[in-house]
Amino acid sequence: MYLAISLVDFLLMVLNWVIVAQVVLSWLVAFNVVNRHSGFVSSVLTALDTVTEPLYRPLRRILPDFGGLDFAPLVVLLVVFFLRSRVVPYLYVATATPVAI
């Protein structure tokens, strides 16, 4: 059971870094620091968008329109933070078996 919980925790950590990378790269493209026409940048952005878009889509329907600001990544990061800080440690404690003496 520890392996499954550790795997979930690891996947949440990876998701956290993927979202941060996607946000930073989208800012770099928006401010013309990197060129979207570059093959590498385009493929990285496409891959990151493919991973994160299914998480953002339901939130974008619920959240009000803030013009050019997108708060869906922030909401997903808050949910991931909550899961990693509150739920995963609880699962570790809940699955601990008492040691018989």
N, C-alpha and C. Protein backbone atom coordinates (compact mmCIF):
# COMPACT_ATOMS: atom_id res chain seq x y z
N MET A 1 0.81 -1.19 0.00
CA MET A 1 0.00 0.00 0.00
C MET A 1 0.87 1.27 0.00
N TYR A 2 2.02 1.19 0.69
CA TYR A 2 2.92 2.34 0.70
C TYR A 2 3.41 2.67 -0.71
N LEU A 3 3.60 1.65 -1.51
CA LEU A 3 4.06 1.88 -2.88
C LEU A 3 3.03 2.66 -3.68
N ALA A 4 1.76 2.31 -3.54
CA ALA A 4 0.70 3.02 -4.26
C ALA A 4 0.58 4.46 -3.79
N ILE A 5 0.68 4.68 -2.49
CA ILE A 5 0.60 6.05 -1.97
C ILE A 5 1.82 6.86 -2.41
N SER A 6 2.99 6.23 -2.39
CA SER A 6 4.20 6.92 -2.85
C SER A 6 4.12 7.25 -4.33
N LEU A 7 3.53 6.37 -5.12
CA LEU A 7 3.36 6.62 -6.55
C LEU A 7 2.41 7.79 -6.77
N VAL A 8 1.31 7.85 -6.03
CA VAL A 8 0.38 8.97 -6.16
C VAL A 8 1.06 10.27 -5.76
N ASP A 9 1.82 10.24 -4.68
CA ASP A 9 2.54 11.43 -4.24
C ASP A 9 3.55 11.88 -5.30
N PHE A 10 4.26 10.94 -5.88
CA PHE A 10 5.23 11.25 -6.93
C PHE A 10 4.54 11.86 -8.16
N LEU A 11 3.41 11.28 -8.56
CA LEU A 11 2.68 11.80 -9.72
C LEU A 11 2.14 13.20 -9.46
N LEU A 12 1.70 13.46 -8.24
CA LEU A 12 1.25 14.80 -7.89
C LEU A 12 2.41 15.80 -7.92
N MET A 13 3.59 15.37 -7.48
CA MET A 13 4.76 16.22 -7.54
C MET A 13 5.15 16.53 -9.00
N VAL A 14 5.10 15.51 -9.85
CA VAL A 14 5.41 15.72 -11.27
C VAL A 14 4.39 16.66 -11.90
N LEU A 15 3.12 16.47 -11.56
CA LEU A 15 2.07 17.36 -12.08
C LEU A 15 2.31 18.79 -11.64
N ASN A 16 2.73 18.96 -10.41
CA ASN A 16 3.05 20.29 -9.90
C ASN A 16 4.13 20.95 -10.77
N TRP A 17 5.21 20.24 -11.06
CA TRP A 17 6.30 20.80 -11.86
C TRP A 17 5.89 21.00 -13.31
N VAL A 18 5.04 20.14 -13.84
CA VAL A 18 4.57 20.30 -15.22
C VAL A 18 3.74 21.58 -15.34
N ILE A 19 2.88 21.83 -14.36
CA ILE A 19 2.07 23.04 -14.39
C ILE A 19 2.94 24.28 -14.28
N VAL A 20 3.91 24.26 -13.38
CA VAL A 20 4.81 25.41 -13.23
C VAL A 20 5.58 25.64 -14.53
N ALA A 21 6.09 24.58 -15.14
CA ALA A 21 6.83 24.72 -16.40
C ALA A 21 5.93 25.26 -17.50
N GLN A 22 4.71 24.79 -17.56
CA GLN A 22 3.78 25.25 -18.59
C GLN A 22 3.46 26.72 -18.41
N VAL A 23 3.25 27.16 -17.18
CA VAL A 23 2.94 28.56 -16.91
C VAL A 23 4.13 29.45 -17.27
N VAL A 24 5.31 29.07 -16.83
CA VAL A 24 6.50 29.89 -17.10
C VAL A 24 6.78 29.96 -18.60
N LEU A 25 6.67 28.84 -19.29
CA LEU A 25 6.92 28.84 -20.73
C LEU A 25 5.87 29.66 -21.47
N SER A 26 4.61 29.61 -21.02
CA SER A 26 3.58 30.42 -21.68
C SER A 26 3.84 31.91 -21.45
N TRP A 27 4.37 32.28 -20.27
CA TRP A 27 4.74 33.68 -20.04
C TRP A 27 5.89 34.09 -20.94
N LEU A 28 6.87 33.21 -21.09
CA LEU A 28 8.01 33.53 -21.94
C LEU A 28 7.58 33.73 -23.39
N VAL A 29 6.62 32.94 -23.83
CA VAL A 29 6.10 33.10 -25.19
C VAL A 29 5.29 34.39 -25.29
N ALA A 30 4.48 34.68 -24.27
CA ALA A 30 3.64 35.88 -24.30
C ALA A 30 4.47 37.16 -24.33
N PHE A 31 5.62 37.16 -23.66
CA PHE A 31 6.47 38.35 -23.63
C PHE A 31 7.57 38.32 -24.68
N ASN A 32 7.47 37.42 -25.65
CA ASN A 32 8.41 37.30 -26.76
C ASN A 32 9.85 37.07 -26.32
N VAL A 33 10.04 36.35 -25.23
CA VAL A 33 11.38 35.98 -24.82
C VAL A 33 11.83 34.77 -25.62
N VAL A 34 10.92 33.83 -25.85
CA VAL A 34 11.20 32.69 -26.71
C VAL A 34 10.22 32.72 -27.88
N ASN A 35 10.63 32.16 -28.98
CA ASN A 35 9.84 32.17 -30.20
C ASN A 35 9.04 30.89 -30.32
N ARG A 36 7.73 31.01 -30.48
CA ARG A 36 6.86 29.83 -30.61
C ARG A 36 7.09 29.10 -31.93
N HIS A 37 7.69 29.76 -32.89
CA HIS A 37 7.94 29.13 -34.19
C HIS A 37 9.13 28.18 -34.15
N SER A 38 9.88 28.21 -33.07
CA SER A 38 10.97 27.25 -32.89
C SER A 38 10.38 25.86 -32.71
N GLY A 39 10.97 24.88 -33.35
CA GLY A 39 10.44 23.52 -33.29
C GLY A 39 10.43 22.94 -31.89
N PHE A 40 11.52 23.16 -31.15
CA PHE A 40 11.62 22.62 -29.79
C PHE A 40 10.60 23.28 -28.87
N VAL A 41 10.50 24.59 -28.91
CA VAL A 41 9.56 25.31 -28.05
C VAL A 41 8.13 24.92 -28.38
N SER A 42 7.84 24.80 -29.65
CA SER A 42 6.50 24.42 -30.07
C SER A 42 6.13 23.02 -29.59
N SER A 43 7.06 22.08 -29.70
CA SER A 43 6.76 20.71 -29.27
C SER A 43 6.63 20.62 -27.76
N VAL A 44 7.45 21.37 -27.01
CA VAL A 44 7.34 21.36 -25.54
C VAL A 44 6.02 21.98 -25.11
N LEU A 45 5.65 23.10 -25.71
CA LEU A 45 4.37 23.72 -25.38
C LEU A 45 3.19 22.82 -25.71
N THR A 46 3.24 22.15 -26.84
CA THR A 46 2.17 21.24 -27.22
C THR A 46 2.06 20.09 -26.23
N ALA A 47 3.19 19.53 -25.82
CA ALA A 47 3.18 18.42 -24.86
C ALA A 47 2.64 18.88 -23.51
N LEU A 48 3.08 20.03 -23.05
CA LEU A 48 2.61 20.53 -21.76
C LEU A 48 1.12 20.88 -21.80
N ASP A 49 0.68 21.47 -22.91
CA ASP A 49 -0.74 21.78 -23.05
C ASP A 49 -1.59 20.51 -23.12
N THR A 50 -1.07 19.47 -23.74
CA THR A 50 -1.80 18.20 -23.82
C THR A 50 -1.99 17.60 -22.43
N VAL A 51 -1.00 17.74 -21.58
CA VAL A 51 -1.10 17.19 -20.23
C VAL A 51 -2.01 18.03 -19.34
N THR A 52 -1.91 19.35 -19.43
CA THR A 52 -2.62 20.21 -18.50
C THR A 52 -4.02 20.62 -18.94
N GLU A 53 -4.30 20.64 -20.21
CA GLU A 53 -5.60 21.12 -20.69
C GLU A 53 -6.79 20.33 -20.13
N PRO A 54 -6.74 18.99 -20.01
CA PRO A 54 -7.89 18.29 -19.42
C PRO A 54 -8.14 18.68 -17.96
N LEU A 55 -7.13 19.16 -17.27
CA LEU A 55 -7.34 19.62 -15.90
C LEU A 55 -7.91 21.03 -15.86
N TYR A 56 -7.52 21.85 -16.81
CA TYR A 56 -7.97 23.24 -16.82
C TYR A 56 -9.37 23.42 -17.38
N ARG A 57 -9.76 22.60 -18.34
CA ARG A 57 -11.01 22.81 -19.06
C ARG A 57 -12.23 22.89 -18.15
N PRO A 58 -12.43 21.95 -17.19
CA PRO A 58 -13.62 22.08 -16.33
C PRO A 58 -13.57 23.32 -15.44
N LEU A 59 -12.39 23.70 -15.01
CA LEU A 59 -12.27 24.88 -14.17
C LEU A 59 -12.55 26.16 -14.94
N ARG A 60 -12.15 26.20 -16.19
CA ARG A 60 -12.38 27.40 -17.00
C ARG A 60 -13.87 27.61 -17.26
N ARG A 61 -14.66 26.53 -17.24
CA ARG A 61 -16.11 26.68 -17.38
C ARG A 61 -16.72 27.28 -16.12
N ILE A 62 -16.12 26.97 -14.95
CA ILE A 62 -16.67 27.41 -13.68
C ILE A 62 -16.19 28.81 -13.31
N LEU A 63 -14.91 29.07 -13.49
CA LEU A 63 -14.33 30.36 -13.10
C LEU A 63 -14.84 31.49 -13.98
N PRO A 64 -15.07 32.67 -13.38
CA PRO A 64 -15.51 33.80 -14.20
C PRO A 64 -14.38 34.28 -15.12
N ASP A 65 -14.76 35.02 -16.14
CA ASP A 65 -13.79 35.54 -17.10
C ASP A 65 -13.06 36.74 -16.50
N PHE A 66 -11.74 36.66 -16.42
CA PHE A 66 -10.94 37.74 -15.89
C PHE A 66 -10.15 38.42 -17.00
N GLY A 67 -10.65 38.39 -18.19
CA GLY A 67 -9.95 39.00 -19.31
C GLY A 67 -8.80 38.12 -19.75
N GLY A 68 -7.60 38.63 -19.72
CA GLY A 68 -6.43 37.88 -20.17
C GLY A 68 -5.81 37.00 -19.10
N LEU A 69 -6.34 37.04 -17.88
CA LEU A 69 -5.78 36.25 -16.79
C LEU A 69 -6.47 34.89 -16.71
N ASP A 70 -5.68 33.86 -16.54
CA ASP A 70 -6.21 32.49 -16.41
C ASP A 70 -5.83 31.97 -15.03
N PHE A 71 -6.83 31.79 -14.18
CA PHE A 71 -6.58 31.32 -12.83
C PHE A 71 -6.73 29.81 -12.68
N ALA A 72 -7.00 29.09 -13.76
CA ALA A 72 -7.14 27.63 -13.69
C ALA A 72 -5.85 26.95 -13.22
N PRO A 73 -4.66 27.35 -13.71
CA PRO A 73 -3.44 26.71 -13.20
C PRO A 73 -3.25 26.95 -11.70
N LEU A 74 -3.59 28.12 -11.22
CA LEU A 74 -3.47 28.41 -9.80
C LEU A 74 -4.39 27.52 -8.97
N VAL A 75 -5.61 27.33 -9.44
CA VAL A 75 -6.56 26.48 -8.72
C VAL A 75 -6.07 25.03 -8.70
N VAL A 76 -5.56 24.55 -9.83
CA VAL A 76 -5.04 23.17 -9.88
C VAL A 76 -3.83 23.03 -8.96
N LEU A 77 -2.95 24.03 -8.95
CA LEU A 77 -1.79 23.98 -8.04
C LEU A 77 -2.23 23.98 -6.58
N LEU A 78 -3.26 24.73 -6.25
CA LEU A 78 -3.77 24.71 -4.87
C LEU A 78 -4.36 23.35 -4.50
N VAL A 79 -5.06 22.73 -5.43
CA VAL A 79 -5.62 21.39 -5.17
C VAL A 79 -4.49 20.37 -5.00
N VAL A 80 -3.47 20.44 -5.86
CA VAL A 80 -2.33 19.53 -5.74
C VAL A 80 -1.61 19.75 -4.41
N PHE A 81 -1.43 21.02 -4.02
CA PHE A 81 -0.79 21.32 -2.74
C PHE A 81 -1.60 20.75 -1.58
N PHE A 82 -2.92 20.91 -1.63
CA PHE A 82 -3.78 20.37 -0.58
C PHE A 82 -3.67 18.85 -0.51
N LEU A 83 -3.72 18.20 -1.66
CA LEU A 83 -3.63 16.74 -1.68
C LEU A 83 -2.29 16.26 -1.13
N ARG A 84 -1.21 16.92 -1.52
CA ARG A 84 0.13 16.49 -1.06
C ARG A 84 0.38 16.83 0.40
N SER A 85 -0.21 17.90 0.91
CA SER A 85 0.08 18.29 2.29
C SER A 85 -0.90 17.72 3.30
N ARG A 86 -2.12 17.40 2.90
CA ARG A 86 -3.12 16.93 3.86
C ARG A 86 -3.56 15.49 3.61
N VAL A 87 -3.83 15.14 2.39
CA VAL A 87 -4.41 13.82 2.10
C VAL A 87 -3.35 12.73 2.08
N VAL A 88 -2.25 12.94 1.40
CA VAL A 88 -1.22 11.91 1.29
C VAL A 88 -0.62 11.55 2.65
N PRO A 89 -0.27 12.51 3.52
CA PRO A 89 0.22 12.11 4.84
C PRO A 89 -0.83 11.34 5.65
N TYR A 90 -2.09 11.72 5.51
CA TYR A 90 -3.15 10.99 6.20
C TYR A 90 -3.23 9.55 5.70
N LEU A 91 -3.05 9.35 4.42
CA LEU A 91 -3.08 7.99 3.88
C LEU A 91 -1.92 7.17 4.41
N TYR A 92 -0.75 7.79 4.54
CA TYR A 92 0.39 7.08 5.13
C TYR A 92 0.08 6.64 6.55
N VAL A 93 -0.51 7.52 7.35
CA VAL A 93 -0.81 7.19 8.74
C VAL A 93 -1.94 6.17 8.80
N ALA A 94 -2.93 6.30 7.93
CA ALA A 94 -4.07 5.40 7.97
C ALA A 94 -3.68 3.97 7.58
N THR A 95 -2.66 3.81 6.76
CA THR A 95 -2.27 2.48 6.33
C THR A 95 -1.20 1.86 7.22
N ALA A 96 -0.72 2.62 8.19
CA ALA A 96 0.30 2.09 9.09
C ALA A 96 -0.31 1.00 9.96
N THR A 97 0.38 -0.08 10.06
CA THR A 97 -0.11 -1.20 10.88
C THR A 97 0.60 -1.16 12.23
N PRO A 98 -0.13 -1.39 13.29
CA PRO A 98 0.52 -1.38 14.60
C PRO A 98 1.48 -2.58 14.73
N VAL A 99 2.56 -2.33 15.40
CA VAL A 99 3.58 -3.36 15.59
C VAL A 99 3.26 -4.14 16.86
N ALA A 100 3.16 -5.45 16.73
CA ALA A 100 2.87 -6.29 17.90
C ALA A 100 4.17 -6.56 18.65
N ILE A 101 4.09 -6.42 19.95
CA ILE A 101 5.28 -6.64 20.77
C ILE A 101 5.18 -8.00 21.44
